[in-house]
Amino acid sequence: MTTPLSFSLIFSLFLSVSAWADWTQFQGDARRSGNAPGEVLKASLGLEAAVPLTDGIYAAPVVSDGVAYVIDGSGVVFAIDTSTFKVKWRFVTHGGAGNCNNVAAPAVVGKYLHVGTTAGYYYVLNRETGKLVKRIDCAEPIFSAPAVGSGRVYFATLGARIYAVSPEGEVAWTWDFVKEEVGFKGNRWLGADWVKFRGRSRNLEGSLRLFTRYYIGRQDRRDARRWADGVRGGCRQETEAAESGGDPKFCRLRVSRHAWSEC
């Protein structure tokens, strides 16, 4: 009962908003504001329907023109009529065992639905029929929800590649943070390549120094921690990265196989 109940609770929230207001991308807009200042809850929240999917639900649904769109953990996309709560169509994404625990919310772009999967594929579907319009093989997991702009849709892969695509799914351009900013052209998923690039003793230190220039202070240290956890796979039992000189942009970090601490 866990799976249908999870989605039922979301149905209850939207049903309390007037006339099923459109909510076409994650947190409502490309700025991820989550704001809906024109909407008023006119009734108390309550369960309206339970719609069983194929797996747990970890990604937020989106709503447009009386249809709710959601992807479940196994990468199955559903379109559900908000008045009858019946499934209009379902689309099974590909990827095998790697297509699991999907967390990226879909996005409505005109007559299309955009969605990325942990299996590394990005899909554009006809949102009326569920038919495939375009599939992009990104070769890396996609955990981020698409951000819809003016005539463009933007998304990022786990490997720090940014894509800009048209509503129909044609790639306009890509940008690679690891190549362009870090200057690394090896296999970003192999620790040995990072060691060769930076040198064993400087691997984590040098990468963290460059990374903190962009992210420490602009976002928060949790982003750096998650990134460092991935980098440390190529290090030995323990690596210490000490940023000195009193520069406030940098922090003193210590990463080991088992723990993280800040000085």
C-alpha atoms as a PDB file:
ATOM      1  CA  MET A   1       0.000   0.000   0.000  1.00  0.00           C
ATOM      2  CA  THR A   2       2.998   2.321   0.336  1.00  0.00           C
ATOM      3  CA  THR A   3       3.294   3.108  -3.352  1.00  0.00           C
ATOM      4  CA  PRO A   4      -0.299   4.173  -4.095  1.00  0.00           C
ATOM      5  CA  LEU A   5      -0.626   6.018  -0.820  1.00  0.00           C
ATOM      6  CA  SER A   6       2.458   8.114  -1.584  1.00  0.00           C
ATOM      7  CA  PHE A   7       0.890   9.385  -4.788  1.00  0.00           C
ATOM      8  CA  SER A   8      -2.563   9.731  -3.207  1.00  0.00           C
ATOM      9  CA  LEU A   9      -1.270  12.241  -0.736  1.00  0.00           C
ATOM     10  CA  ILE A  10       0.048  14.374  -3.580  1.00  0.00           C
ATOM     11  CA  PHE A  11      -3.333  14.152  -5.290  1.00  0.00           C
ATOM     12  CA  SER A  12      -4.949  15.451  -2.125  1.00  0.00           C
ATOM     13  CA  LEU A  13      -2.706  18.509  -2.044  1.00  0.00           C
ATOM     14  CA  PHE A  14      -3.403  19.472  -5.627  1.00  0.00           C
ATOM     15  CA  LEU A  15      -7.131  18.836  -5.329  1.00  0.00           C
ATOM     16  CA  SER A  16      -7.345  21.472  -2.656  1.00  0.00           C
ATOM     17  CA  VAL A  17      -6.000  24.096  -5.042  1.00  0.00           C
ATOM     18  CA  SER A  18      -8.557  25.784  -7.257  1.00  0.00           C
ATOM     19  CA  ALA A  19      -9.331  24.001 -10.527  1.00  0.00           C
ATOM     20  CA  TRP A  20      -6.196  21.903 -10.510  1.00  0.00           C
ATOM     21  CA  ALA A  21      -3.854  24.799 -11.241  1.00  0.00           C
ATOM     22  CA  ASP A  22      -1.041  23.969 -13.648  1.00  0.00           C
ATOM     23  CA  TRP A  23       2.278  23.074 -12.044  1.00  0.00           C
ATOM     24  CA  THR A  24       4.394  22.281 -15.067  1.00  0.00           C
ATOM     25  CA  GLN A  25       7.861  21.781 -13.616  1.00  0.00           C
ATOM     26  CA  PHE A  26       9.641  21.031 -10.355  1.00  0.00           C
ATOM     27  CA  GLN A  27       8.673  23.609  -7.697  1.00  0.00           C
ATOM     28  CA  GLY A  28       6.542  25.467 -10.214  1.00  0.00           C
ATOM     29  CA  ASP A  29       9.077  27.431 -12.248  1.00  0.00           C
ATOM     30  CA  ALA A  30      12.646  27.453 -13.544  1.00  0.00           C
ATOM     31  CA  ARG A  31      13.775  29.420 -10.485  1.00  0.00           C
ATOM     32  CA  ARG A  32      12.519  26.576  -8.242  1.00  0.00           C
ATOM     33  CA  SER A  33      10.640  29.141  -6.169  1.00  0.00           C
ATOM     34  CA  GLY A  34       7.772  26.867  -5.131  1.00  0.00           C
ATOM     35  CA  ASN A  35       5.542  29.950  -5.012  1.00  0.00           C
ATOM     36  CA  ALA A  36       1.851  29.945  -5.942  1.00  0.00           C
ATOM     37  CA  PRO A  37       0.700  33.311  -4.540  1.00  0.00           C
ATOM     38  CA  GLY A  38      -2.548  33.329  -6.491  1.00  0.00           C
ATOM     39  CA  GLU A  39      -3.831  30.018  -5.144  1.00  0.00           C
ATOM     40  CA  VAL A  40      -5.981  29.598  -2.032  1.00  0.00           C
ATOM     41  CA  LEU A  41      -6.748  26.369  -0.189  1.00  0.00           C
ATOM     42  CA  LYS A  42     -10.538  26.328   0.084  1.00  0.00           C
ATOM     43  CA  ALA A  43     -10.955  23.049   1.927  1.00  0.00           C
ATOM     44  CA  SER A  44      -9.108  20.796   4.325  1.00  0.00           C
ATOM     45  CA  LEU A  45      -6.764  18.211   2.875  1.00  0.00           C
ATOM     46  CA  GLY A  46      -7.993  14.666   2.512  1.00  0.00           C
ATOM     47  CA  LEU A  47      -7.484  11.507   0.502  1.00  0.00           C
ATOM     48  CA  GLU A  48      -9.280  11.630  -2.870  1.00  0.00           C
ATOM     49  CA  ALA A  49      -7.840   8.674  -4.772  1.00  0.00           C
ATOM     50  CA  ALA A  50      -5.210   5.955  -4.686  1.00  0.00           C
ATOM     51  CA  VAL A  51      -3.523   5.175  -7.986  1.00  0.00           C
ATOM     52  CA  PRO A  52      -1.141   2.186  -7.885  1.00  0.00           C
ATOM     53  CA  LEU A  53       2.094   2.502  -9.834  1.00  0.00           C
ATOM     54  CA  THR A  54       4.875  -0.055 -10.322  1.00  0.00           C
ATOM     55  CA  ASP A  55       7.357   1.124  -7.684  1.00  0.00           C
ATOM     56  CA  GLY A  56       7.979   3.693  -4.976  1.00  0.00           C
ATOM     57  CA  ILE A  57       7.585   7.360  -5.865  1.00  0.00           C
ATOM     58  CA  TYR A  58      10.601   9.585  -5.231  1.00  0.00           C
ATOM     59  CA  ALA A  59      10.007  12.341  -7.824  1.00  0.00           C
ATOM     60  CA  ALA A  60       7.442  15.129  -7.627  1.00  0.00           C
ATOM     61  CA  PRO A  61       4.568  15.017 -10.139  1.00  0.00           C
ATOM     62  CA  VAL A  62       3.668  17.845 -12.493  1.00  0.00           C
ATOM     63  CA  VAL A  63       0.199  18.934 -13.607  1.00  0.00           C
ATOM     64  CA  SER A  64      -1.053  20.522 -16.826  1.00  0.00           C
ATOM     65  CA  ASP A  65      -4.487  20.768 -18.458  1.00  0.00           C
ATOM     66  CA  GLY A  66      -6.134  18.381 -16.023  1.00  0.00           C
ATOM     67  CA  VAL A  67      -3.486  15.652 -16.269  1.00  0.00           C
ATOM     68  CA  ALA A  68      -0.903  14.699 -13.653  1.00  0.00           C
ATOM     69  CA  TYR A  69       2.406  13.256 -14.874  1.00  0.00           C
ATOM     70  CA  VAL A  70       4.720  11.254 -12.640  1.00  0.00           C
ATOM     71  CA  ILE A  71       7.669   8.870 -12.955  1.00  0.00           C
ATOM     72  CA  ASP A  72       8.035   6.066 -10.420  1.00  0.00           C
ATOM     73  CA  GLY A  73      11.238   4.571  -9.034  1.00  0.00           C
ATOM     74  CA  SER A  74      11.506   1.981 -11.813  1.00  0.00           C
ATOM     75  CA  GLY A  75      11.306   4.601 -14.550  1.00  0.00           C
ATOM     76  CA  VAL A  76       7.696   4.074 -15.625  1.00  0.00           C
ATOM     77  CA  VAL A  77       6.008   7.348 -16.604  1.00  0.00           C
ATOM     78  CA  PHE A  78       2.263   7.733 -15.976  1.00  0.00           C
ATOM     79  CA  ALA A  79      -0.288  10.262 -17.210  1.00  0.00           C
ATOM     80  CA  ILE A  80      -3.320  10.351 -14.896  1.00  0.00           C
ATOM     81  CA  ASP A  81      -6.588  12.167 -15.490  1.00  0.00           C
ATOM     82  CA  THR A  82      -7.206  14.421 -12.484  1.00  0.00           C
ATOM     83  CA  SER A  83     -10.993  14.224 -12.730  1.00  0.00           C
ATOM     84  CA  THR A  84     -11.402  10.450 -13.101  1.00  0.00           C
ATOM     85  CA  PHE A  85      -8.033   9.367 -11.615  1.00  0.00           C
ATOM     86  CA  LYS A  86      -7.683   6.883 -14.450  1.00  0.00           C
ATOM     87  CA  VAL A  87      -4.368   6.249 -16.152  1.00  0.00           C
ATOM     88  CA  LYS A  88      -4.439   7.764 -19.653  1.00  0.00           C
ATOM     89  CA  TRP A  89      -1.169   6.177 -20.704  1.00  0.00           C
ATOM     90  CA  ARG A  90       2.077   4.783 -19.344  1.00  0.00           C
ATOM     91  CA  PHE A  91       5.531   4.719 -20.853  1.00  0.00           C
ATOM     92  CA  VAL A  92       8.273   2.310 -19.766  1.00  0.00           C
ATOM     93  CA  THR A  93      11.765   3.801 -19.991  1.00  0.00           C
ATOM     94  CA  HIS A  94      14.768   1.600 -20.675  1.00  0.00           C
ATOM     95  CA  GLY A  95      17.989   0.900 -18.847  1.00  0.00           C
ATOM     96  CA  GLY A  96      17.728  -2.401 -17.003  1.00  0.00           C
ATOM     97  CA  ALA A  97      18.927  -2.663 -13.411  1.00  0.00           C
ATOM     98  CA  GLY A  98      20.491   0.800 -13.582  1.00  0.00           C
ATOM     99  CA  ASN A  99      17.074   2.343 -14.092  1.00  0.00           C
ATOM    100  CA  CYS A 100      16.083   2.518 -10.435  1.00  0.00           C
ATOM    101  CA  ASN A 101      15.318   5.036  -7.685  1.00  0.00           C
ATOM    102  CA  ASN A 102      14.395   7.735 -10.196  1.00  0.00           C
ATOM    103  CA  VAL A 103      14.205  11.111  -8.452  1.00  0.00           C
ATOM    104  CA  ALA A 104      13.998  13.648 -11.322  1.00  0.00           C
ATOM    105  CA  ALA A 105      10.566  15.229 -11.717  1.00  0.00           C
ATOM    106  CA  PRO A 106       9.227  15.504 -15.274  1.00  0.00           C
ATOM    107  CA  ALA A 107       8.533  18.840 -16.957  1.00  0.00           C
ATOM    108  CA  VAL A 108       5.737  19.906 -19.297  1.00  0.00           C
ATOM    109  CA  VAL A 109       6.909  21.885 -22.321  1.00  0.00           C
ATOM    110  CA  GLY A 110       3.968  22.761 -24.549  1.00  0.00           C
ATOM    111  CA  LYS A 111       2.687  19.515 -26.038  1.00  0.00           C
ATOM    112  CA  TYR A 112       5.708  17.577 -24.808  1.00  0.00           C
ATOM    113  CA  LEU A 113       6.759  15.912 -21.560  1.00  0.00           C
ATOM    114  CA  HIS A 114      10.478  15.878 -20.707  1.00  0.00           C
ATOM    115  CA  VAL A 115      11.976  13.437 -18.205  1.00  0.00           C
ATOM    116  CA  GLY A 116      15.437  12.047 -17.371  1.00  0.00           C
ATOM    117  CA  THR A 117      16.298   8.730 -15.724  1.00  0.00           C
ATOM    118  CA  THR A 118      19.025   7.259 -13.558  1.00  0.00           C
ATOM    119  CA  ALA A 119      19.818   4.903 -16.449  1.00  0.00           C
ATOM    120  CA  GLY A 120      21.242   7.916 -18.282  1.00  0.00           C
ATOM    121  CA  TYR A 121      18.524   8.474 -20.871  1.00  0.00           C
ATOM    122  CA  TYR A 122      16.572  11.669 -21.441  1.00  0.00           C
ATOM    123  CA  TYR A 123      13.120  11.343 -22.998  1.00  0.00           C
ATOM    124  CA  VAL A 124      10.745  13.663 -24.803  1.00  0.00           C
ATOM    125  CA  LEU A 125       7.225  12.243 -25.013  1.00  0.00           C
ATOM    126  CA  ASN A 126       4.036  13.404 -26.652  1.00  0.00           C
ATOM    127  CA  ARG A 127       2.089  14.225 -23.508  1.00  0.00           C
ATOM    128  CA  GLU A 128      -1.276  13.554 -25.132  1.00  0.00           C
ATOM    129  CA  THR A 129      -0.454  10.035 -26.322  1.00  0.00           C
ATOM    130  CA  GLY A 130       2.694   9.026 -24.421  1.00  0.00           C
ATOM    131  CA  LYS A 131       4.478   8.230 -27.678  1.00  0.00           C
ATOM    132  CA  LEU A 132       8.248   8.641 -27.834  1.00  0.00           C
ATOM    133  CA  VAL A 133       9.393  11.766 -29.659  1.00  0.00           C
ATOM    134  CA  LYS A 134      13.098  11.784 -28.790  1.00  0.00           C
ATOM    135  CA  ARG A 135      15.540   9.821 -26.657  1.00  0.00           C
ATOM    136  CA  ILE A 136      19.002  11.154 -25.789  1.00  0.00           C
ATOM    137  CA  ASP A 137      21.649   8.761 -24.492  1.00  0.00           C
ATOM    138  CA  CYS A 138      23.612  10.855 -21.973  1.00  0.00           C
ATOM    139  CA  ALA A 139      25.640   7.846 -20.740  1.00  0.00           C
ATOM    140  CA  GLU A 140      25.392   9.181 -17.168  1.00  0.00           C
ATOM    141  CA  PRO A 141      22.616   9.155 -14.552  1.00  0.00           C
ATOM    142  CA  ILE A 142      20.238  12.112 -14.512  1.00  0.00           C
ATOM    143  CA  PHE A 143      19.128  13.165 -11.043  1.00  0.00           C
ATOM    144  CA  SER A 144      18.102  16.736 -11.837  1.00  0.00           C
ATOM    145  CA  ALA A 145      14.651  17.800 -13.013  1.00  0.00           C
ATOM    146  CA  PRO A 146      14.533  19.714 -16.316  1.00  0.00           C
ATOM    147  CA  ALA A 147      14.339  23.503 -16.045  1.00  0.00           C
ATOM    148  CA  VAL A 148      12.100  25.029 -18.707  1.00  0.00           C
ATOM    149  CA  GLY A 149      13.100  28.387 -20.164  1.00  0.00           C
ATOM    150  CA  SER A 150      12.064  30.358 -23.227  1.00  0.00           C
ATOM    151  CA  GLY A 151      12.313  27.944 -26.136  1.00  0.00           C
ATOM    152  CA  ARG A 152      14.899  25.868 -24.269  1.00  0.00           C
ATOM    153  CA  VAL A 153      14.954  23.127 -21.665  1.00  0.00           C
ATOM    154  CA  TYR A 154      18.028  22.627 -19.481  1.00  0.00           C
ATOM    155  CA  PHE A 155      19.159  19.598 -17.486  1.00  0.00           C
ATOM    156  CA  ALA A 156      22.359  18.243 -15.939  1.00  0.00           C
ATOM    157  CA  THR A 157      23.859  14.775 -15.606  1.00  0.00           C
ATOM    158  CA  LEU A 158      25.548  13.364 -12.538  1.00  0.00           C
ATOM    159  CA  GLY A 159      28.863  13.815 -14.351  1.00  0.00           C
ATOM    160  CA  ALA A 160      28.385  17.623 -14.462  1.00  0.00           C
ATOM    161  CA  ARG A 161      27.414  17.877 -18.117  1.00  0.00           C
ATOM    162  CA  ILE A 162      24.775  20.500 -18.947  1.00  0.00           C
ATOM    163  CA  TYR A 163      22.404  20.073 -21.883  1.00  0.00           C
ATOM    164  CA  ALA A 164      20.226  22.662 -23.585  1.00  0.00           C
ATOM    165  CA  VAL A 165      17.537  21.118 -25.777  1.00  0.00           C
ATOM    166  CA  SER A 166      14.557  22.327 -27.782  1.00  0.00           C
ATOM    167  CA  PRO A 167      10.984  21.419 -26.744  1.00  0.00           C
ATOM    168  CA  GLU A 168      11.172  18.614 -29.353  1.00  0.00           C
ATOM    169  CA  GLY A 169      14.386  17.302 -27.795  1.00  0.00           C
ATOM    170  CA  GLU A 170      16.962  18.495 -30.335  1.00  0.00           C
ATOM    171  CA  VAL A 171      20.257  19.285 -28.599  1.00  0.00           C
ATOM    172  CA  ALA A 172      21.177  22.971 -29.000  1.00  0.00           C
ATOM    173  CA  TRP A 173      24.417  22.804 -27.021  1.00  0.00           C
ATOM    174  CA  THR A 174      26.205  21.016 -24.190  1.00  0.00           C
ATOM    175  CA  TRP A 175      28.686  22.252 -21.591  1.00  0.00           C
ATOM    176  CA  ASP A 176      31.031  20.078 -19.536  1.00  0.00           C
ATOM    177  CA  PHE A 177      32.138  21.495 -16.180  1.00  0.00           C
ATOM    178  CA  VAL A 178      34.778  18.809 -15.647  1.00  0.00           C
ATOM    179  CA  LYS A 179      36.478  19.448 -19.001  1.00  0.00           C
ATOM    180  CA  GLU A 180      35.984  23.196 -19.255  1.00  0.00           C
ATOM    181  CA  GLU A 181      36.693  24.261 -15.687  1.00  0.00           C
ATOM    182  CA  VAL A 182      38.693  21.456 -14.115  1.00  0.00           C
ATOM    183  CA  GLY A 183      40.580  20.656 -17.298  1.00  0.00           C
ATOM    184  CA  PHE A 184      40.191  16.915 -16.833  1.00  0.00           C
ATOM    185  CA  LYS A 185      39.782  14.854 -20.002  1.00  0.00           C
ATOM    186  CA  GLY A 186      40.096  11.328 -18.649  1.00  0.00           C
ATOM    187  CA  ASN A 187      37.361   8.973 -17.480  1.00  0.00           C
ATOM    188  CA  ARG A 188      35.680  10.931 -14.694  1.00  0.00           C
ATOM    189  CA  TRP A 189      34.338   7.717 -13.194  1.00  0.00           C
ATOM    190  CA  LEU A 190      37.775   6.130 -12.735  1.00  0.00           C
ATOM    191  CA  GLY A 191      39.747   7.089  -9.642  1.00  0.00           C
ATOM    192  CA  ALA A 192      42.981   5.999 -11.332  1.00  0.00           C
ATOM    193  CA  ASP A 193      42.506   8.633 -14.029  1.00  0.00           C
ATOM    194  CA  TRP A 194      42.018  11.342 -11.413  1.00  0.00           C
ATOM    195  CA  VAL A 195      45.171  10.213  -9.616  1.00  0.00           C
ATOM    196  CA  LYS A 196      47.095  10.381 -12.876  1.00  0.00           C
ATOM    197  CA  PHE A 197      45.658  13.830 -13.598  1.00  0.00           C
ATOM    198  CA  ARG A 198      46.384  15.408 -10.213  1.00  0.00           C
ATOM    199  CA  GLY A 199      49.055  13.160  -8.767  1.00  0.00           C
ATOM    200  CA  ARG A 200      48.398  10.821  -5.868  1.00  0.00           C
ATOM    201  CA  SER A 201      49.221  13.272  -3.095  1.00  0.00           C
ATOM    202  CA  ARG A 202      47.481  16.223  -4.754  1.00  0.00           C
ATOM    203  CA  ASN A 203      44.456  14.452  -6.228  1.00  0.00           C
ATOM    204  CA  LEU A 204      41.785  15.482  -3.774  1.00  0.00           C
ATOM    205  CA  GLU A 205      43.505  18.656  -2.588  1.00  0.00           C
ATOM    206  CA  GLY A 206      43.837  20.218  -6.018  1.00  0.00           C
ATOM    207  CA  SER A 207      40.357  19.225  -7.126  1.00  0.00           C
ATOM    208  CA  LEU A 208      38.752  20.502  -3.946  1.00  0.00           C
ATOM    209  CA  ARG A 209      40.603  23.808  -4.246  1.00  0.00           C
ATOM    210  CA  LEU A 210      39.214  24.391  -7.725  1.00  0.00           C
ATOM    211  CA  PHE A 211      35.771  23.135  -6.745  1.00  0.00           C
ATOM    212  CA  THR A 212      35.506  25.385  -3.697  1.00  0.00           C
ATOM    213  CA  ARG A 213      36.271  28.444  -5.837  1.00  0.00           C
ATOM    214  CA  TYR A 214      32.954  27.862  -7.569  1.00  0.00           C
ATOM    215  CA  TYR A 215      30.734  26.385  -4.905  1.00  0.00           C
ATOM    216  CA  ILE A 216      31.822  27.110  -1.340  1.00  0.00           C
ATOM    217  CA  GLY A 217      29.968  30.265  -0.394  1.00  0.00           C
ATOM    218  CA  ARG A 218      27.691  30.178  -3.437  1.00  0.00           C
ATOM    219  CA  GLN A 219      25.747  27.145  -2.364  1.00  0.00           C
ATOM    220  CA  ASP A 220      26.769  25.193   0.735  1.00  0.00           C
ATOM    221  CA  ARG A 221      29.328  22.694   1.947  1.00  0.00           C
ATOM    222  CA  ARG A 222      26.994  19.763   1.415  1.00  0.00           C
ATOM    223  CA  ASP A 223      27.531  20.020  -2.350  1.00  0.00           C
ATOM    224  CA  ALA A 224      31.288  19.833  -1.865  1.00  0.00           C
ATOM    225  CA  ARG A 225      30.905  16.883   0.461  1.00  0.00           C
ATOM    226  CA  ARG A 226      28.873  14.907  -2.037  1.00  0.00           C
ATOM    227  CA  TRP A 227      31.347  15.720  -4.793  1.00  0.00           C
ATOM    228  CA  ALA A 228      34.334  14.798  -2.629  1.00  0.00           C
ATOM    229  CA  ASP A 229      32.719  11.483  -1.707  1.00  0.00           C
ATOM    230  CA  GLY A 230      32.796  10.612  -5.408  1.00  0.00           C
ATOM    231  CA  VAL A 231      36.388  11.749  -5.890  1.00  0.00           C
ATOM    232  CA  ARG A 232      37.716   9.864  -2.893  1.00  0.00           C
ATOM    233  CA  GLY A 233      36.925   6.576  -4.604  1.00  0.00           C
ATOM    234  CA  GLY A 234      40.213   6.983  -6.443  1.00  0.00           C
ATOM    235  CA  CYS A 235      42.219   7.728  -3.324  1.00  0.00           C
ATOM    236  CA  ARG A 236      43.876   5.330  -0.936  1.00  0.00           C
ATOM    237  CA  GLN A 237      42.667   4.654   2.620  1.00  0.00           C
ATOM    238  CA  GLU A 238      42.883   8.268   3.664  1.00  0.00           C
ATOM    239  CA  THR A 239      43.640  11.620   2.043  1.00  0.00           C
ATOM    240  CA  GLU A 240      44.006  14.942   3.779  1.00  0.00           C
ATOM    241  CA  ALA A 241      43.395  18.181   1.929  1.00  0.00           C
ATOM    242  CA  ALA A 242      44.483  21.232   3.880  1.00  0.00           C
ATOM    243  CA  GLU A 243      43.682  24.649   2.476  1.00  0.00           C
ATOM    244  CA  SER A 244      45.990  27.189   4.096  1.00  0.00           C
ATOM    245  CA  GLY A 245      46.749  30.866   3.852  1.00  0.00           C
ATOM    246  CA  GLY A 246      43.617  32.137   5.574  1.00  0.00           C
ATOM    247  CA  ASP A 247      41.653  32.555   2.349  1.00  0.00           C
ATOM    248  CA  PRO A 248      37.969  32.612   3.442  1.00  0.00           C
ATOM    249  CA  LYS A 249      36.929  31.004   0.158  1.00  0.00           C
ATOM    250  CA  PHE A 250      38.546  27.791   1.258  1.00  0.00           C
ATOM    251  CA  CYS A 251      37.832  25.480   4.145  1.00  0.00           C
ATOM    252  CA  ARG A 252      40.013  22.847   5.757  1.00  0.00           C
ATOM    253  CA  LEU A 253      38.781  19.424   4.842  1.00  0.00           C
ATOM    254  CA  ARG A 254      39.667  15.912   5.833  1.00  0.00           C
ATOM    255  CA  VAL A 255      38.208  12.972   3.940  1.00  0.00           C
ATOM    256  CA  SER A 256      38.692   9.343   4.860  1.00  0.00           C
ATOM    257  CA  ARG A 257      37.019   6.102   3.852  1.00  0.00           C
ATOM    258  CA  HIS A 258      34.784   6.228   6.909  1.00  0.00           C
ATOM    259  CA  ALA A 259      34.329   9.794   8.024  1.00  0.00           C
ATOM    260  CA  TRP A 260      34.260  13.444   7.124  1.00  0.00           C
ATOM    261  CA  SER A 261      35.338  16.228   9.436  1.00  0.00           C
ATOM    262  CA  GLU A 262      35.949  19.937   9.199  1.00  0.00           C
ATOM    263  CA  CYS A 263      38.622  21.837  11.117  1.00  0.00           C
END
